[in-house]
Amino acid sequence: MPRTPKTPNREELLETKISELSALIKELSPQARVEISFERCEDEDAHIHVHPPRSISAEEVARLEATMGEVCNDVLLETGLFIIGAVCDS
């Protein structure tokens, strides 16, 4: 009898999406410090705060913010997971 693939539960899916987003951030800004919180607040499933190095240009910060926003929005539309992403001043 063929096996059906296991569907990940919400927590597993959230961990996967956070890992993917963290890897993307590190690809865009390897020196950035990434903080992740799974503390739930209203409809939010997780928060990811990025602290880029001081040496990063304003254009790179804007690119990082835009990319994170797009990915978080895509995750919400695809999975229903609400991840808040923010680029913070270091």
C-alpha atoms as a PDB file:
ATOM      1  CA  MET A   1       0.000   0.000   0.000  1.00  0.00           C
ATOM      2  CA  PRO A   2       1.468   3.407  -0.955  1.00  0.00           C
ATOM      3  CA  ARG A   3       2.252   5.779   1.866  1.00  0.00           C
ATOM      4  CA  THR A   4       0.903   9.271   1.835  1.00  0.00           C
ATOM      5  CA  PRO A   5       3.405  11.967   2.785  1.00  0.00           C
ATOM      6  CA  LYS A   6       2.969  13.364   6.268  1.00  0.00           C
ATOM      7  CA  THR A   7       1.562  16.866   6.327  1.00  0.00           C
ATOM      8  CA  PRO A   8       3.535  19.066   8.721  1.00  0.00           C
ATOM      9  CA  ASN A   9       1.588  20.480  11.633  1.00  0.00           C
ATOM     10  CA  ARG A  10       1.432  24.228  12.208  1.00  0.00           C
ATOM     11  CA  GLU A  11       4.420  24.307  14.580  1.00  0.00           C
ATOM     12  CA  GLU A  12       6.609  22.303  12.199  1.00  0.00           C
ATOM     13  CA  LEU A  13       5.599  24.532   9.314  1.00  0.00           C
ATOM     14  CA  LEU A  14       6.353  27.654  11.377  1.00  0.00           C
ATOM     15  CA  GLU A  15       9.807  26.359  12.295  1.00  0.00           C
ATOM     16  CA  THR A  16      10.497  25.545   8.646  1.00  0.00           C
ATOM     17  CA  LYS A  17       9.432  28.993   7.435  1.00  0.00           C
ATOM     18  CA  ILE A  18      11.428  30.760  10.173  1.00  0.00           C
ATOM     19  CA  SER A  19      14.508  28.698   9.230  1.00  0.00           C
ATOM     20  CA  GLU A  20      14.078  29.583   5.563  1.00  0.00           C
ATOM     21  CA  LEU A  21      13.651  33.275   6.377  1.00  0.00           C
ATOM     22  CA  SER A  22      16.688  33.249   8.692  1.00  0.00           C
ATOM     23  CA  ALA A  23      18.818  31.631   5.985  1.00  0.00           C
ATOM     24  CA  LEU A  24      17.701  34.256   3.474  1.00  0.00           C
ATOM     25  CA  ILE A  25      18.566  37.068   5.894  1.00  0.00           C
ATOM     26  CA  LYS A  26      22.026  35.595   6.500  1.00  0.00           C
ATOM     27  CA  GLU A  27      22.487  35.304   2.737  1.00  0.00           C
ATOM     28  CA  LEU A  28      21.609  38.988   2.271  1.00  0.00           C
ATOM     29  CA  SER A  29      23.533  40.209   5.326  1.00  0.00           C
ATOM     30  CA  PRO A  30      25.893  37.585   6.767  1.00  0.00           C
ATOM     31  CA  GLN A  31      26.938  39.811   9.685  1.00  0.00           C
ATOM     32  CA  ALA A  32      23.367  40.525  10.792  1.00  0.00           C
ATOM     33  CA  ARG A  33      22.193  39.323  14.192  1.00  0.00           C
ATOM     34  CA  VAL A  34      18.829  37.556  13.999  1.00  0.00           C
ATOM     35  CA  GLU A  35      16.487  37.249  16.988  1.00  0.00           C
ATOM     36  CA  ILE A  36      13.455  34.977  16.808  1.00  0.00           C
ATOM     37  CA  SER A  37      10.525  34.957  19.186  1.00  0.00           C
ATOM     38  CA  PHE A  38       7.656  32.492  19.125  1.00  0.00           C
ATOM     39  CA  GLU A  39       5.723  34.514  21.689  1.00  0.00           C
ATOM     40  CA  ARG A  40       2.166  34.731  20.431  1.00  0.00           C
ATOM     41  CA  CYS A  41       0.372  38.047  20.419  1.00  0.00           C
ATOM     42  CA  GLU A  42      -3.145  38.187  18.992  1.00  0.00           C
ATOM     43  CA  ASP A  43      -2.911  36.641  15.485  1.00  0.00           C
ATOM     44  CA  GLU A  44       0.901  36.719  15.277  1.00  0.00           C
ATOM     45  CA  ASP A  45       2.728  33.382  15.155  1.00  0.00           C
ATOM     46  CA  ALA A  46       6.328  34.597  15.447  1.00  0.00           C
ATOM     47  CA  HIS A  47       8.576  37.639  15.334  1.00  0.00           C
ATOM     48  CA  ILE A  48      11.938  37.922  13.647  1.00  0.00           C
ATOM     49  CA  HIS A  49      14.106  40.932  14.456  1.00  0.00           C
ATOM     50  CA  VAL A  50      17.186  41.625  12.369  1.00  0.00           C
ATOM     51  CA  HIS A  51      20.036  43.775  13.655  1.00  0.00           C
ATOM     52  CA  PRO A  52      22.264  44.552  10.664  1.00  0.00           C
ATOM     53  CA  PRO A  53      25.888  45.625  11.157  1.00  0.00           C
ATOM     54  CA  ARG A  54      26.507  49.367  11.393  1.00  0.00           C
ATOM     55  CA  SER A  55      28.569  49.189   8.221  1.00  0.00           C
ATOM     56  CA  ILE A  56      25.550  48.296   6.063  1.00  0.00           C
ATOM     57  CA  SER A  57      24.339  51.018   3.681  1.00  0.00           C
ATOM     58  CA  ALA A  58      20.866  52.545   3.773  1.00  0.00           C
ATOM     59  CA  GLU A  59      20.144  50.907   0.413  1.00  0.00           C
ATOM     60  CA  GLU A  60      21.071  47.482   1.792  1.00  0.00           C
ATOM     61  CA  VAL A  61      18.843  48.046   4.829  1.00  0.00           C
ATOM     62  CA  ALA A  62      15.965  49.035   2.531  1.00  0.00           C
ATOM     63  CA  ARG A  63      16.557  45.908   0.406  1.00  0.00           C
ATOM     64  CA  LEU A  64      16.613  43.732   3.518  1.00  0.00           C
ATOM     65  CA  GLU A  65      13.377  45.301   4.810  1.00  0.00           C
ATOM     66  CA  ALA A  66      11.624  44.918   1.450  1.00  0.00           C
ATOM     67  CA  THR A  67      12.739  41.306   1.020  1.00  0.00           C
ATOM     68  CA  MET A  68      11.664  40.347   4.535  1.00  0.00           C
ATOM     69  CA  GLY A  69       8.304  42.040   4.019  1.00  0.00           C
ATOM     70  CA  GLU A  70       7.709  40.206   0.755  1.00  0.00           C
ATOM     71  CA  VAL A  71       8.652  36.834   2.208  1.00  0.00           C
ATOM     72  CA  CYS A  72       6.545  37.327   5.354  1.00  0.00           C
ATOM     73  CA  ASN A  73       3.594  38.328   3.159  1.00  0.00           C
ATOM     74  CA  ASP A  74       4.098  35.301   0.897  1.00  0.00           C
ATOM     75  CA  VAL A  75       4.233  32.994   3.935  1.00  0.00           C
ATOM     76  CA  LEU A  76       0.993  34.497   5.254  1.00  0.00           C
ATOM     77  CA  LEU A  77      -0.787  34.032   1.934  1.00  0.00           C
ATOM     78  CA  GLU A  78       0.554  30.495   1.366  1.00  0.00           C
ATOM     79  CA  THR A  79       0.254  29.083   4.883  1.00  0.00           C
ATOM     80  CA  GLY A  80      -1.777  31.453   7.047  1.00  0.00           C
ATOM     81  CA  LEU A  81       1.252  31.891   9.339  1.00  0.00           C
ATOM     82  CA  PHE A  82       1.647  35.497  10.481  1.00  0.00           C
ATOM     83  CA  ILE A  83       5.347  36.252  10.935  1.00  0.00           C
ATOM     84  CA  ILE A  84       6.319  39.792  11.866  1.00  0.00           C
ATOM     85  CA  GLY A  85       9.689  40.797  10.463  1.00  0.00           C
ATOM     86  CA  ALA A  86      11.572  43.935  11.466  1.00  0.00           C
ATOM     87  CA  VAL A  87      14.966  45.439  10.761  1.00  0.00           C
ATOM     88  CA  CYS A  88      16.143  47.194  13.916  1.00  0.00           C
ATOM     89  CA  ASP A  89      18.769  49.825  14.532  1.00  0.00           C
ATOM     90  CA  SER A  90      21.919  48.299  15.950  1.00  0.00           C
END
